[in-house]
Amino acid sequence: MISDTQLTNPLRTMDLPSLKRIRGVDLTRSPEHRALWKPGRGPRPSPDHKLPEPGFALPMGFWLTEAVGPASDEPHPFTIRFEPFGTPASPAVPRTGTSSGPQRPEQTVRLKPPQVGDGDLVLKISSDGVRITTSDAVWKALSEPVLLAVGQYWRFLTVEAEIDRLTEEAFGDLDHATLPRLSTLKQRNRLIANAKAVRALVLDLPHFEGPLTDPFPYCSTELAAQTYLALAEKLRLEEWCELIDERAEAIEDTYESVSEKLLEFKNFSWEAVLEILIVVILLCELGLTLWEMFGP
């Protein structure tokens, strides 16, 4: 059962040695989980919804929970691995090409909390996962903005993967957007599904990109908001966001044209069928008249 405590009590209250690894579960694929990451946008989840416990939802649409079982050498984008404070810095991990979706090289960011005496946090993040080296005290001070930035990074990865898929679909649908034909009607279910997916993506983008403009609704303190903005700048999330917006706008325009042409061609087809029926009826009447006049 998902309790209010789980939704508001993040994993930062746990000591790092007991965490080891955190994994993220994408909630956006399940409409019944929408209210977890976007409050007020759906019904409260029922106790029957099975999510790993203990855990809590990020506003970027991920459920964070402790990863159990032996660590796998295979990289996974939605995994955070913790390394003890004082561990020698490890070299950047090259792209493996094993992760599905867009590939991004590892970025390294070092943060130092202003209210903690010694120690800092080293974040290494890529499309193959996240590694964090820090102490318990520093983690508890910085976990909120770090997890918000990590969640946004993960969300941008999934959004970019969806944009890649829809872009490939859009290239194949250019003929339907310019000169519809009979095959356009035959593929209308697929075209409508793609257009709906584009609209759903565009509708959620303002929420996922919101912290870059105004982080305060996503953070509990001003310090957390300021720390997030500094981290987002180092990770160049704003530039990534702008590229996503440009690509999303392009596929949105394409499928708006597809939808318009599909509607026009559908109306034209019905009009053509109606005209043919009228002609057939007139021909039948003419034939019947000729039969009555010249028939035996």
Foldseek 3Di string as FASTA:
>chain_A
DDDPCLAPPAPLVPFPVVQQKKFKDAQPVPPLCLCQLPPPPHDPRDPPDDDDPSWHAAVLRIIIDRDDDDDDPQFAQGMEGEDEAPPPDDDWDAWPPRYPFDWFGWDWDWADDPVDDDWIKIWIHISRYIYIYTGSVRCSVQVQLVVLLSSLVVSLRVLRRLLVVLVVVLVVCQCLLPPNDPVLVVCVVVLVVSLVVLVVSVVCLCSSCVLQVPVVVNDDDPSSSVVNNVVCVSVVVVVSSVVSVVSSVVSNVSSVSSVVSSVVVVVVVVVVVVVVVVVVVVVVVVVVVVCVVPND
